[in-house]
Amino acid sequence: MEKKENNSQNRLSEIWEKVLDECTIIKKSEPILSYFLDKTIISHSSLKDCLCYMIANSLSSKYLEHNKLLEITNIAFIEDNEILVQSTEDILANYDRDPACTRLIHPILYYKGFKALQCYRIANYYKKIGQFDLSFL
């Protein structure tokens, strides 16, 4: 079991490094996107933190603060590591199967379906632990 967990961690780290490398390439070719990439990707220390930020950002409104949503998403990712593993598999599936997806970063930044699926997984986590009302956010 520990070996499988180490392989998962290595795979996550490898994918995160590739995403960061893609950011560097994009910033060189499209400098106007530098701030956007810095804020959404580069300023985060891990893929988990990046995904939590992106999901919270997508769901936030004047009635639900970004920081509270960030906390909610972060708890789900920490308590259920499968969410991160499945998110990574989703990124790779998009990259492998969608001819328009030429970078690993594309689903994270631009694919609404990808974000919706991650929101579903977080909602499902809260439903499983009995926080039904929270799961509908």
N, C-alpha and C. Protein backbone atom coordinates (compact mmCIF):
# COMPACT_ATOMS: atom_id res chain seq x y z
N MET A 1 0.83 -1.20 0.00
CA MET A 1 0.00 0.00 0.00
C MET A 1 0.87 1.26 0.00
N GLU A 2 1.94 1.23 0.80
CA GLU A 2 2.80 2.39 0.89
C GLU A 2 3.49 2.68 -0.44
N LYS A 3 3.88 1.62 -1.15
CA LYS A 3 4.52 1.78 -2.45
C LYS A 3 3.57 2.45 -3.44
N LYS A 4 2.29 2.03 -3.43
CA LYS A 4 1.29 2.63 -4.31
C LYS A 4 1.11 4.11 -3.98
N GLU A 5 1.11 4.43 -2.67
CA GLU A 5 0.96 5.83 -2.26
C GLU A 5 2.16 6.66 -2.71
N ASN A 6 3.37 6.09 -2.60
CA ASN A 6 4.57 6.80 -3.06
C ASN A 6 4.51 7.03 -4.56
N ASN A 7 4.04 6.03 -5.33
CA ASN A 7 3.91 6.19 -6.78
C ASN A 7 2.93 7.30 -7.11
N SER A 8 1.81 7.37 -6.37
CA SER A 8 0.81 8.42 -6.57
C SER A 8 1.42 9.79 -6.30
N GLN A 9 2.16 9.89 -5.20
CA GLN A 9 2.79 11.15 -4.85
C GLN A 9 3.81 11.57 -5.91
N ASN A 10 4.59 10.61 -6.38
CA ASN A 10 5.58 10.91 -7.43
C ASN A 10 4.88 11.38 -8.70
N ARG A 11 3.80 10.71 -9.04
CA ARG A 11 3.05 11.08 -10.25
C ARG A 11 2.46 12.49 -10.12
N LEU A 12 1.90 12.79 -8.94
CA LEU A 12 1.35 14.13 -8.71
C LEU A 12 2.43 15.18 -8.81
N SER A 13 3.59 14.91 -8.21
CA SER A 13 4.71 15.86 -8.26
C SER A 13 5.19 16.06 -9.69
N GLU A 14 5.26 14.97 -10.43
CA GLU A 14 5.70 15.05 -11.82
C GLU A 14 4.73 15.89 -12.66
N ILE A 15 3.45 15.68 -12.48
CA ILE A 15 2.45 16.44 -13.23
C ILE A 15 2.50 17.91 -12.83
N TRP A 16 2.63 18.17 -11.53
CA TRP A 16 2.71 19.56 -11.06
C TRP A 16 3.93 20.26 -11.67
N GLU A 17 5.06 19.57 -11.73
CA GLU A 17 6.26 20.15 -12.33
C GLU A 17 6.04 20.46 -13.82
N LYS A 18 5.35 19.57 -14.52
CA LYS A 18 5.06 19.81 -15.93
C LYS A 18 4.14 21.02 -16.11
N VAL A 19 3.16 21.14 -15.22
CA VAL A 19 2.26 22.30 -15.28
C VAL A 19 3.06 23.59 -15.06
N LEU A 20 3.96 23.58 -14.10
CA LEU A 20 4.78 24.77 -13.85
C LEU A 20 5.70 25.07 -15.04
N ASP A 21 6.24 24.03 -15.65
CA ASP A 21 7.08 24.22 -16.85
C ASP A 21 6.25 24.84 -17.99
N GLU A 22 5.01 24.37 -18.14
CA GLU A 22 4.14 24.94 -19.16
C GLU A 22 3.87 26.41 -18.90
N CYS A 23 3.72 26.77 -17.64
CA CYS A 23 3.51 28.19 -17.29
C CYS A 23 4.70 29.03 -17.75
N THR A 24 5.88 28.53 -17.53
CA THR A 24 7.09 29.25 -17.94
C THR A 24 7.11 29.45 -19.45
N ILE A 25 6.77 28.41 -20.18
CA ILE A 25 6.75 28.49 -21.65
C ILE A 25 5.70 29.50 -22.12
N ILE A 26 4.51 29.43 -21.52
CA ILE A 26 3.43 30.34 -21.91
C ILE A 26 3.80 31.79 -21.58
N LYS A 27 4.39 32.01 -20.42
CA LYS A 27 4.77 33.38 -20.02
C LYS A 27 5.79 33.98 -20.99
N LYS A 28 6.67 33.13 -21.52
CA LYS A 28 7.66 33.63 -22.49
C LYS A 28 7.00 33.97 -23.83
N SER A 29 6.06 33.13 -24.25
CA SER A 29 5.45 33.36 -25.56
C SER A 29 4.28 34.34 -25.51
N GLU A 30 3.62 34.44 -24.37
CA GLU A 30 2.46 35.34 -24.18
C GLU A 30 2.61 36.11 -22.87
N PRO A 31 3.50 37.10 -22.83
CA PRO A 31 3.77 37.82 -21.58
C PRO A 31 2.53 38.46 -20.95
N ILE A 32 1.54 38.75 -21.74
CA ILE A 32 0.33 39.38 -21.21
C ILE A 32 -0.39 38.45 -20.22
N LEU A 33 -0.14 37.14 -20.31
CA LEU A 33 -0.77 36.17 -19.42
C LEU A 33 0.01 35.93 -18.13
N SER A 34 1.11 36.64 -17.95
CA SER A 34 1.98 36.41 -16.79
C SER A 34 1.25 36.56 -15.46
N TYR A 35 0.55 37.65 -15.26
CA TYR A 35 -0.14 37.88 -13.98
C TYR A 35 -1.20 36.80 -13.75
N PHE A 36 -1.95 36.49 -14.78
CA PHE A 36 -2.98 35.45 -14.70
C PHE A 36 -2.37 34.12 -14.26
N LEU A 37 -1.28 33.72 -14.89
CA LEU A 37 -0.63 32.45 -14.55
C LEU A 37 0.00 32.49 -13.16
N ASP A 38 0.58 33.64 -12.81
CA ASP A 38 1.16 33.78 -11.47
C ASP A 38 0.09 33.59 -10.40
N LYS A 39 -1.03 34.23 -10.61
CA LYS A 39 -2.11 34.21 -9.61
C LYS A 39 -2.80 32.84 -9.55
N THR A 40 -3.06 32.24 -10.68
CA THR A 40 -3.85 31.01 -10.70
C THR A 40 -3.03 29.73 -10.53
N ILE A 41 -1.78 29.76 -10.94
CA ILE A 41 -0.98 28.52 -10.91
C ILE A 41 0.30 28.67 -10.09
N ILE A 42 1.16 29.55 -10.51
CA ILE A 42 2.52 29.61 -9.98
C ILE A 42 2.58 29.96 -8.50
N SER A 43 1.65 30.74 -8.01
CA SER A 43 1.69 31.16 -6.60
C SER A 43 1.32 30.03 -5.63
N HIS A 44 0.94 28.88 -6.14
CA HIS A 44 0.54 27.77 -5.29
C HIS A 44 1.66 26.75 -5.18
N SER A 45 1.74 26.12 -4.02
CA SER A 45 2.86 25.22 -3.77
C SER A 45 2.62 23.79 -4.24
N SER A 46 1.39 23.47 -4.64
CA SER A 46 1.10 22.11 -5.07
C SER A 46 -0.12 22.11 -6.00
N LEU A 47 -0.31 20.99 -6.66
CA LEU A 47 -1.47 20.84 -7.52
C LEU A 47 -2.75 20.92 -6.69
N LYS A 48 -2.73 20.33 -5.50
CA LYS A 48 -3.90 20.39 -4.62
C LYS A 48 -4.26 21.83 -4.30
N ASP A 49 -3.28 22.62 -3.90
CA ASP A 49 -3.54 24.02 -3.57
C ASP A 49 -4.06 24.80 -4.77
N CYS A 50 -3.49 24.51 -5.92
CA CYS A 50 -3.92 25.17 -7.16
C CYS A 50 -5.37 24.83 -7.47
N LEU A 51 -5.72 23.54 -7.40
CA LEU A 51 -7.08 23.13 -7.70
C LEU A 51 -8.07 23.69 -6.69
N CYS A 52 -7.71 23.70 -5.43
CA CYS A 52 -8.58 24.28 -4.39
C CYS A 52 -8.84 25.76 -4.70
N TYR A 53 -7.79 26.47 -5.08
CA TYR A 53 -7.94 27.89 -5.41
C TYR A 53 -8.86 28.08 -6.61
N MET A 54 -8.63 27.29 -7.65
CA MET A 54 -9.43 27.44 -8.87
C MET A 54 -10.91 27.13 -8.62
N ILE A 55 -11.17 26.09 -7.84
CA ILE A 55 -12.56 25.71 -7.55
C ILE A 55 -13.22 26.79 -6.70
N ALA A 56 -12.53 27.23 -5.66
CA ALA A 56 -13.08 28.28 -4.80
C ALA A 56 -13.32 29.55 -5.60
N ASN A 57 -12.43 29.87 -6.49
CA ASN A 57 -12.56 31.05 -7.33
C ASN A 57 -13.78 30.94 -8.25
N SER A 58 -14.00 29.74 -8.78
CA SER A 58 -15.14 29.53 -9.67
C SER A 58 -16.48 29.64 -8.94
N LEU A 59 -16.51 29.24 -7.68
CA LEU A 59 -17.76 29.21 -6.93
C LEU A 59 -18.04 30.47 -6.10
N SER A 60 -17.03 31.29 -5.91
CA SER A 60 -17.21 32.44 -5.01
C SER A 60 -18.17 33.48 -5.57
N SER A 61 -18.82 34.16 -4.66
CA SER A 61 -19.75 35.23 -5.01
C SER A 61 -19.74 36.23 -3.87
N LYS A 62 -20.57 37.25 -3.99
CA LYS A 62 -20.60 38.23 -2.90
C LYS A 62 -21.25 37.63 -1.65
N TYR A 63 -21.91 36.48 -1.79
CA TYR A 63 -22.56 35.83 -0.67
C TYR A 63 -21.73 34.71 -0.06
N LEU A 64 -20.81 34.19 -0.82
CA LEU A 64 -19.90 33.15 -0.35
C LEU A 64 -18.47 33.60 -0.60
N GLU A 65 -17.77 33.88 0.47
CA GLU A 65 -16.41 34.40 0.35
C GLU A 65 -15.45 33.34 -0.19
N HIS A 66 -14.51 33.82 -0.96
CA HIS A 66 -13.49 32.96 -1.54
C HIS A 66 -12.75 32.18 -0.46
N ASN A 67 -12.37 32.84 0.62
CA ASN A 67 -11.60 32.17 1.68
C ASN A 67 -12.37 31.03 2.34
N LYS A 68 -13.66 31.19 2.53
CA LYS A 68 -14.49 30.13 3.11
C LYS A 68 -14.58 28.95 2.13
N LEU A 69 -14.78 29.25 0.86
CA LEU A 69 -14.84 28.19 -0.14
C LEU A 69 -13.49 27.49 -0.28
N LEU A 70 -12.43 28.25 -0.15
CA LEU A 70 -11.09 27.66 -0.19
C LEU A 70 -10.91 26.69 0.97
N GLU A 71 -11.38 27.07 2.13
CA GLU A 71 -11.31 26.20 3.31
C GLU A 71 -12.13 24.91 3.10
N ILE A 72 -13.33 25.07 2.57
CA ILE A 72 -14.21 23.92 2.32
C ILE A 72 -13.57 22.96 1.32
N THR A 73 -13.04 23.48 0.24
CA THR A 73 -12.42 22.62 -0.77
C THR A 73 -11.15 21.97 -0.24
N ASN A 74 -10.38 22.72 0.49
CA ASN A 74 -9.13 22.20 1.04
C ASN A 74 -9.39 21.03 1.99
N ILE A 75 -10.38 21.16 2.85
CA ILE A 75 -10.72 20.08 3.77
C ILE A 75 -11.08 18.81 3.00
N ALA A 76 -11.89 18.95 1.97
CA ALA A 76 -12.29 17.79 1.17
C ALA A 76 -11.08 17.12 0.53
N PHE A 77 -10.18 17.91 -0.05
CA PHE A 77 -9.00 17.35 -0.69
C PHE A 77 -8.08 16.65 0.32
N ILE A 78 -7.97 17.21 1.51
CA ILE A 78 -7.11 16.62 2.55
C ILE A 78 -7.72 15.33 3.10
N GLU A 79 -9.00 15.38 3.39
CA GLU A 79 -9.67 14.23 4.01
C GLU A 79 -9.89 13.07 3.03
N ASP A 80 -10.05 13.37 1.76
CA ASP A 80 -10.28 12.32 0.76
C ASP A 80 -9.26 12.49 -0.36
N ASN A 81 -8.13 11.82 -0.21
CA ASN A 81 -7.03 11.94 -1.17
C ASN A 81 -7.43 11.46 -2.56
N GLU A 82 -8.46 10.64 -2.65
CA GLU A 82 -8.92 10.16 -3.96
C GLU A 82 -9.38 11.31 -4.86
N ILE A 83 -9.85 12.39 -4.27
CA ILE A 83 -10.28 13.54 -5.07
C ILE A 83 -9.11 14.06 -5.90
N LEU A 84 -7.96 14.18 -5.26
CA LEU A 84 -6.77 14.67 -5.97
C LEU A 84 -6.30 13.66 -7.02
N VAL A 85 -6.31 12.39 -6.65
CA VAL A 85 -5.90 11.35 -7.60
C VAL A 85 -6.82 11.36 -8.81
N GLN A 86 -8.12 11.42 -8.58
CA GLN A 86 -9.08 11.44 -9.69
C GLN A 86 -8.97 12.73 -10.51
N SER A 87 -8.71 13.83 -9.86
CA SER A 87 -8.51 15.10 -10.58
C SER A 87 -7.32 14.99 -11.52
N THR A 88 -6.27 14.37 -11.05
CA THR A 88 -5.07 14.18 -11.87
C THR A 88 -5.39 13.28 -13.06
N GLU A 89 -6.15 12.23 -12.80
CA GLU A 89 -6.55 11.34 -13.90
C GLU A 89 -7.40 12.09 -14.92
N ASP A 90 -8.24 13.01 -14.45
CA ASP A 90 -9.05 13.82 -15.36
C ASP A 90 -8.18 14.72 -16.23
N ILE A 91 -7.17 15.31 -15.63
CA ILE A 91 -6.25 16.17 -16.38
C ILE A 91 -5.58 15.34 -17.48
N LEU A 92 -5.08 14.17 -17.10
CA LEU A 92 -4.40 13.31 -18.06
C LEU A 92 -5.35 12.79 -19.14
N ALA A 93 -6.58 12.48 -18.77
CA ALA A 93 -7.56 12.00 -19.76
C ALA A 93 -7.86 13.08 -20.79
N ASN A 94 -8.04 14.33 -20.32
CA ASN A 94 -8.25 15.43 -21.27
C ASN A 94 -7.06 15.59 -22.19
N TYR A 95 -5.88 15.56 -21.61
CA TYR A 95 -4.65 15.74 -22.39
C TYR A 95 -4.48 14.63 -23.43
N ASP A 96 -4.78 13.40 -23.02
CA ASP A 96 -4.60 12.24 -23.91
C ASP A 96 -5.67 12.14 -24.99
N ARG A 97 -6.90 12.54 -24.68
CA ARG A 97 -8.02 12.25 -25.58
C ARG A 97 -8.56 13.45 -26.36
N ASP A 98 -8.27 14.65 -25.90
CA ASP A 98 -8.80 15.84 -26.57
C ASP A 98 -7.71 16.46 -27.43
N PRO A 99 -7.87 16.43 -28.74
CA PRO A 99 -6.84 16.99 -29.62
C PRO A 99 -6.60 18.49 -29.39
N ALA A 100 -7.59 19.19 -28.86
CA ALA A 100 -7.42 20.62 -28.60
C ALA A 100 -6.64 20.88 -27.31
N CYS A 101 -6.51 19.87 -26.49
CA CYS A 101 -5.80 20.00 -25.22
C CYS A 101 -4.34 19.65 -25.44
N THR A 102 -3.53 20.68 -25.66
CA THR A 102 -2.12 20.46 -25.98
C THR A 102 -1.20 20.65 -24.79
N ARG A 103 -1.77 21.02 -23.67
CA ARG A 103 -0.99 21.22 -22.45
C ARG A 103 -1.80 20.68 -21.26
N LEU A 104 -1.08 20.21 -20.24
CA LEU A 104 -1.75 19.74 -19.01
C LEU A 104 -2.47 20.87 -18.30
N ILE A 105 -2.02 22.07 -18.51
CA ILE A 105 -2.59 23.23 -17.84
C ILE A 105 -3.98 23.60 -18.37
N HIS A 106 -4.29 23.21 -19.58
CA HIS A 106 -5.56 23.62 -20.20
C HIS A 106 -6.80 23.23 -19.41
N PRO A 107 -6.96 21.97 -18.98
CA PRO A 107 -8.17 21.65 -18.20
C PRO A 107 -8.27 22.46 -16.90
N ILE A 108 -7.14 22.65 -16.25
CA ILE A 108 -7.13 23.39 -14.97
C ILE A 108 -7.63 24.81 -15.17
N LEU A 109 -7.17 25.45 -16.22
CA LEU A 109 -7.49 26.87 -16.42
C LEU A 109 -8.80 27.11 -17.18
N TYR A 110 -9.09 26.27 -18.15
CA TYR A 110 -10.13 26.66 -19.11
C TYR A 110 -11.33 25.72 -19.24
N TYR A 111 -11.23 24.50 -18.80
CA TYR A 111 -12.30 23.53 -19.04
C TYR A 111 -13.33 23.56 -17.93
N LYS A 112 -14.48 24.11 -18.23
CA LYS A 112 -15.55 24.20 -17.24
C LYS A 112 -16.04 22.83 -16.79
N GLY A 113 -16.06 21.88 -17.69
CA GLY A 113 -16.46 20.52 -17.34
C GLY A 113 -15.51 19.89 -16.33
N PHE A 114 -14.23 20.16 -16.47
CA PHE A 114 -13.24 19.67 -15.52
C PHE A 114 -13.52 20.26 -14.14
N LYS A 115 -13.73 21.56 -14.10
CA LYS A 115 -14.01 22.22 -12.81
C LYS A 115 -15.32 21.70 -12.21
N ALA A 116 -16.32 21.50 -13.05
CA ALA A 116 -17.61 21.00 -12.57
C ALA A 116 -17.46 19.61 -11.95
N LEU A 117 -16.66 18.78 -12.56
CA LEU A 117 -16.45 17.43 -12.05
C LEU A 117 -15.75 17.46 -10.69
N GLN A 118 -14.80 18.38 -10.54
CA GLN A 118 -14.11 18.49 -9.24
C GLN A 118 -15.07 19.02 -8.17
N CYS A 119 -15.93 19.94 -8.56
CA CYS A 119 -16.96 20.45 -7.63
C CYS A 119 -17.88 19.32 -7.20
N TYR A 120 -18.25 18.48 -8.15
CA TYR A 120 -19.10 17.32 -7.84
C TYR A 120 -18.41 16.42 -6.82
N ARG A 121 -17.14 16.17 -7.00
CA ARG A 121 -16.40 15.29 -6.09
C ARG A 121 -16.35 15.88 -4.68
N ILE A 122 -16.17 17.17 -4.60
CA ILE A 122 -16.15 17.82 -3.28
C ILE A 122 -17.54 17.74 -2.64
N ALA A 123 -18.57 18.00 -3.42
CA ALA A 123 -19.94 17.91 -2.91
C ALA A 123 -20.23 16.49 -2.45
N ASN A 124 -19.79 15.52 -3.22
CA ASN A 124 -20.01 14.12 -2.86
C ASN A 124 -19.31 13.78 -1.54
N TYR A 125 -18.11 14.32 -1.34
CA TYR A 125 -17.40 14.11 -0.08
C TYR A 125 -18.25 14.61 1.09
N TYR A 126 -18.78 15.82 0.96
CA TYR A 126 -19.58 16.39 2.06
C TYR A 126 -20.89 15.62 2.25
N LYS A 127 -21.44 15.12 1.18
CA LYS A 127 -22.66 14.32 1.31
C LYS A 127 -22.35 13.02 2.06
N LYS A 128 -21.22 12.38 1.72
CA LYS A 128 -20.83 11.13 2.37
C LYS A 128 -20.64 11.29 3.88
N ILE A 129 -20.15 12.45 4.30
CA ILE A 129 -19.90 12.63 5.74
C ILE A 129 -21.11 13.24 6.46
N GLY A 130 -22.22 13.37 5.73
CA GLY A 130 -23.46 13.79 6.35
C GLY A 130 -23.73 15.27 6.38
N GLN A 131 -22.93 16.05 5.68
CA GLN A 131 -23.15 17.49 5.59
C GLN A 131 -23.88 17.80 4.29
N PHE A 132 -25.17 17.40 4.27
CA PHE A 132 -25.97 17.47 3.06
C PHE A 132 -26.13 18.89 2.53
N ASP A 133 -26.45 19.82 3.40
CA ASP A 133 -26.67 21.19 2.93
C ASP A 133 -25.40 21.80 2.35
N LEU A 134 -24.28 21.52 2.99
CA LEU A 134 -23.00 22.03 2.47
C LEU A 134 -22.70 21.41 1.11
N SER A 135 -23.13 20.19 0.90
CA SER A 135 -22.83 19.51 -0.37
C SER A 135 -23.53 20.18 -1.55
N PHE A 136 -24.55 21.00 -1.30
CA PHE A 136 -25.25 21.65 -2.40
C PHE A 136 -24.64 22.98 -2.83
N LEU A 137 -23.58 23.41 -2.15
CA LEU A 137 -22.93 24.65 -2.56
C LEU A 137 -22.35 24.45 -3.93
